[in-house]
Amino acid sequence: MQTHRGFMLRLKLRQHSRSLQARALISSRALISAGAIIVALSSCAAMEPTVPAEPGVAFSLPIGKTAAINGSGTRLTFRLVREDSRCPTDVTCVWEGDAKIEVVISRSGSSDDIKVLSLRTPSNEATSGDLQIRFVGLTPVPRQADGNAPRAYVAQLVVNRI
């Protein structure tokens, strides 16, 4: 009787162990599948259309968008407007104000380079690697009548090889 009970206990433990192994296998397959889906989705996000940019030629870059600098493998993203204290068009100002933007320069194999550019000289230019980035304009220009309404900013930039 004791032997039979021990045998049954070992049999149940073995069945439980196999059940756990099967669950672990299913869980690991589910994790691998989920990982593959995440990789596929993130690669789709990386394939978002870019704005083509030729070195030495001014181009417009909407906020949140990325420009691909032709012939360099470099991507430039207009991340955000840090400041916009420019004089509204419907007001007379003593001082013209300024605008500052943040851009991210990305190159494959290198860490991202973050730069803050101002409309005012000399802070309107920055160097990253073999490129010089110049911030030449920002639209729309503020209007007092618009108050603090969100703006769909577009930066005008020029990138040169140095």
Protein backbone atom coordinates (compact mmCIF):
# COMPACT_ATOMS: atom_id res chain seq x y z
CA MET A 1 0.00 0.00 0.00
CA GLN A 2 2.84 2.34 0.92
CA THR A 3 4.62 1.58 -2.36
CA HIS A 4 1.45 2.15 -4.36
CA ARG A 5 0.86 5.51 -2.65
CA GLY A 6 4.50 6.55 -3.31
CA PHE A 7 4.19 5.47 -6.94
CA MET A 8 0.98 7.47 -7.38
CA LEU A 9 2.59 10.52 -5.76
CA ARG A 10 5.61 10.32 -8.10
CA LEU A 11 3.28 9.86 -11.07
CA LYS A 12 1.26 12.94 -10.11
CA LEU A 13 4.46 14.98 -9.59
CA ARG A 14 5.76 13.88 -13.00
CA GLN A 15 2.45 14.84 -14.68
CA HIS A 16 2.46 18.21 -12.87
CA SER A 17 6.08 18.80 -13.94
CA ARG A 18 5.22 18.05 -17.59
CA SER A 19 2.21 20.38 -17.35
CA LEU A 20 4.45 23.16 -16.03
CA GLN A 21 6.99 22.52 -18.81
CA ALA A 22 4.23 22.73 -21.43
CA ARG A 23 2.96 25.99 -19.94
CA ALA A 24 6.49 27.42 -19.88
CA LEU A 25 6.97 26.45 -23.53
CA ILE A 26 3.68 28.08 -24.51
CA SER A 27 4.57 31.20 -22.48
CA SER A 28 8.02 31.46 -24.09
CA ARG A 29 6.50 31.08 -27.56
CA ALA A 30 3.97 33.79 -26.73
CA LEU A 31 6.77 36.09 -25.56
CA ILE A 32 8.77 35.45 -28.72
CA SER A 33 5.70 36.17 -30.85
CA ALA A 34 4.97 39.36 -28.88
CA GLY A 35 8.61 40.42 -29.29
CA ALA A 36 8.45 39.83 -33.04
CA ILE A 37 5.30 41.95 -33.27
CA ILE A 38 6.93 44.78 -31.29
CA VAL A 39 10.02 44.71 -33.53
CA ALA A 40 7.83 44.74 -36.64
CA LEU A 41 5.80 47.69 -35.36
CA SER A 42 8.86 49.68 -34.30
CA SER A 43 10.46 49.14 -37.70
CA CYS A 44 7.28 50.48 -39.30
CA ALA A 45 7.54 53.60 -37.15
CA ALA A 46 11.15 54.04 -38.26
CA MET A 47 9.99 53.99 -41.89
CA GLU A 48 7.88 57.12 -41.51
CA PRO A 49 8.36 59.32 -44.58
CA THR A 50 11.12 61.88 -44.31
CA VAL A 51 11.50 65.35 -45.78
CA PRO A 52 14.29 65.32 -48.38
CA ALA A 53 16.99 67.93 -47.74
CA GLU A 54 19.84 68.91 -50.03
CA PRO A 55 23.00 70.33 -48.45
CA GLY A 56 23.23 74.10 -48.95
CA VAL A 57 19.52 74.49 -49.84
CA ALA A 58 16.91 75.85 -47.41
CA PHE A 59 14.12 73.42 -46.54
CA SER A 60 11.00 73.47 -44.36
CA LEU A 61 10.60 70.94 -41.57
CA PRO A 62 7.29 70.64 -39.65
CA ILE A 63 7.48 70.04 -35.92
CA GLY A 64 7.81 66.34 -35.10
CA LYS A 65 9.04 65.47 -38.61
CA THR A 66 12.43 64.25 -39.80
CA ALA A 67 14.58 65.35 -42.73
CA ALA A 68 17.00 63.00 -44.48
CA ILE A 69 20.13 64.91 -45.48
CA ASN A 70 20.98 63.71 -48.99
CA GLY A 71 24.32 61.96 -49.37
CA SER A 72 25.17 61.93 -45.66
CA GLY A 73 23.09 59.21 -43.98
CA THR A 74 22.12 61.83 -41.41
CA ARG A 75 18.59 62.49 -40.19
CA LEU A 76 17.49 65.75 -38.58
CA THR A 77 14.32 65.82 -36.45
CA PHE A 78 12.55 69.03 -35.38
CA ARG A 79 11.62 67.91 -31.86
CA LEU A 80 10.08 71.00 -30.23
CA VAL A 81 9.87 74.76 -29.86
CA ARG A 82 11.57 75.69 -26.60
CA GLU A 83 10.65 79.37 -26.74
CA ASP A 84 8.69 81.71 -28.96
CA SER A 85 8.90 85.27 -27.70
CA ARG A 86 8.74 86.87 -31.15
CA CYS A 87 6.70 90.03 -31.46
CA PRO A 88 3.15 89.20 -32.63
CA THR A 89 2.32 90.57 -36.08
CA ASP A 90 -0.69 92.51 -34.78
CA VAL A 91 1.29 94.37 -32.08
CA THR A 92 3.96 97.09 -32.13
CA CYS A 93 6.98 95.94 -30.11
CA VAL A 94 10.17 97.59 -28.91
CA TRP A 95 12.07 94.30 -29.14
CA GLU A 96 11.67 91.70 -31.91
CA GLY A 97 11.92 88.71 -29.57
CA ASP A 98 13.35 85.29 -30.36
CA ALA A 99 12.41 81.69 -31.05
CA LYS A 100 14.38 78.62 -29.97
CA ILE A 101 13.94 75.12 -31.30
CA GLU A 102 15.36 71.74 -30.40
CA VAL A 103 16.61 69.45 -33.13
CA VAL A 104 17.95 65.90 -32.93
CA ILE A 105 20.72 64.82 -35.31
CA SER A 106 20.83 61.04 -35.87
CA ARG A 107 23.48 59.00 -37.64
CA SER A 108 23.55 55.23 -37.84
CA GLY A 109 26.12 53.83 -35.45
CA SER A 110 26.27 57.02 -33.36
CA SER A 111 24.29 58.35 -30.44
CA ASP A 112 21.82 61.15 -31.13
CA ASP A 113 23.10 64.72 -30.93
CA ILE A 114 20.60 67.25 -29.51
CA LYS A 115 21.02 70.93 -30.39
CA VAL A 116 19.08 74.04 -29.41
CA LEU A 117 19.02 76.72 -32.11
CA SER A 118 17.88 80.34 -31.84
CA LEU A 119 16.80 82.74 -34.56
CA ARG A 120 19.30 85.25 -33.19
CA THR A 121 22.92 85.17 -34.39
CA PRO A 122 25.27 83.49 -33.44
CA SER A 123 23.04 80.93 -31.70
CA ASN A 124 21.25 80.18 -34.97
CA GLU A 125 24.02 77.79 -36.06
CA ALA A 126 25.32 74.52 -34.64
CA THR A 127 27.84 71.95 -35.79
CA SER A 128 27.41 68.20 -35.55
CA GLY A 129 30.04 65.96 -37.09
CA ASP A 130 30.72 67.18 -40.62
CA LEU A 131 27.48 69.20 -40.82
CA GLN A 132 26.59 72.77 -39.95
CA ILE A 133 22.89 73.38 -39.24
CA ARG A 134 21.49 76.91 -39.55
CA PHE A 135 18.03 77.93 -38.28
CA VAL A 136 16.71 80.66 -40.61
CA GLY A 137 12.99 80.95 -39.86
CA LEU A 138 9.93 79.72 -38.00
CA THR A 139 6.31 79.92 -39.07
CA PRO A 140 3.68 80.82 -38.16
CA VAL A 141 4.60 84.15 -36.64
CA PRO A 142 2.60 84.73 -33.43
CA ARG A 143 -0.52 86.90 -33.43
CA GLN A 144 -1.89 88.39 -30.24
CA ALA A 145 -5.40 87.60 -31.46
CA ASP A 146 -4.53 83.86 -31.39
CA GLY A 147 -3.58 83.93 -27.72
CA ASN A 148 -1.92 80.73 -26.59
CA ALA A 149 -3.59 78.52 -29.19
CA PRO A 150 -1.39 75.61 -30.33
CA ARG A 151 0.59 76.29 -33.48
CA ALA A 152 1.63 73.92 -36.26
CA TYR A 153 5.22 75.14 -36.32
CA VAL A 154 7.46 74.73 -39.36
CA ALA A 155 11.19 75.48 -39.11
CA GLN A 156 13.22 76.70 -42.05
CA LEU A 157 16.72 75.24 -41.96
CA VAL A 158 19.86 75.02 -44.06
CA VAL A 159 22.40 72.21 -43.64
CA ASN A 160 25.91 72.49 -45.07
CA ARG A 161 28.84 70.09 -45.13
CA ILE A 162 31.97 71.48 -43.52
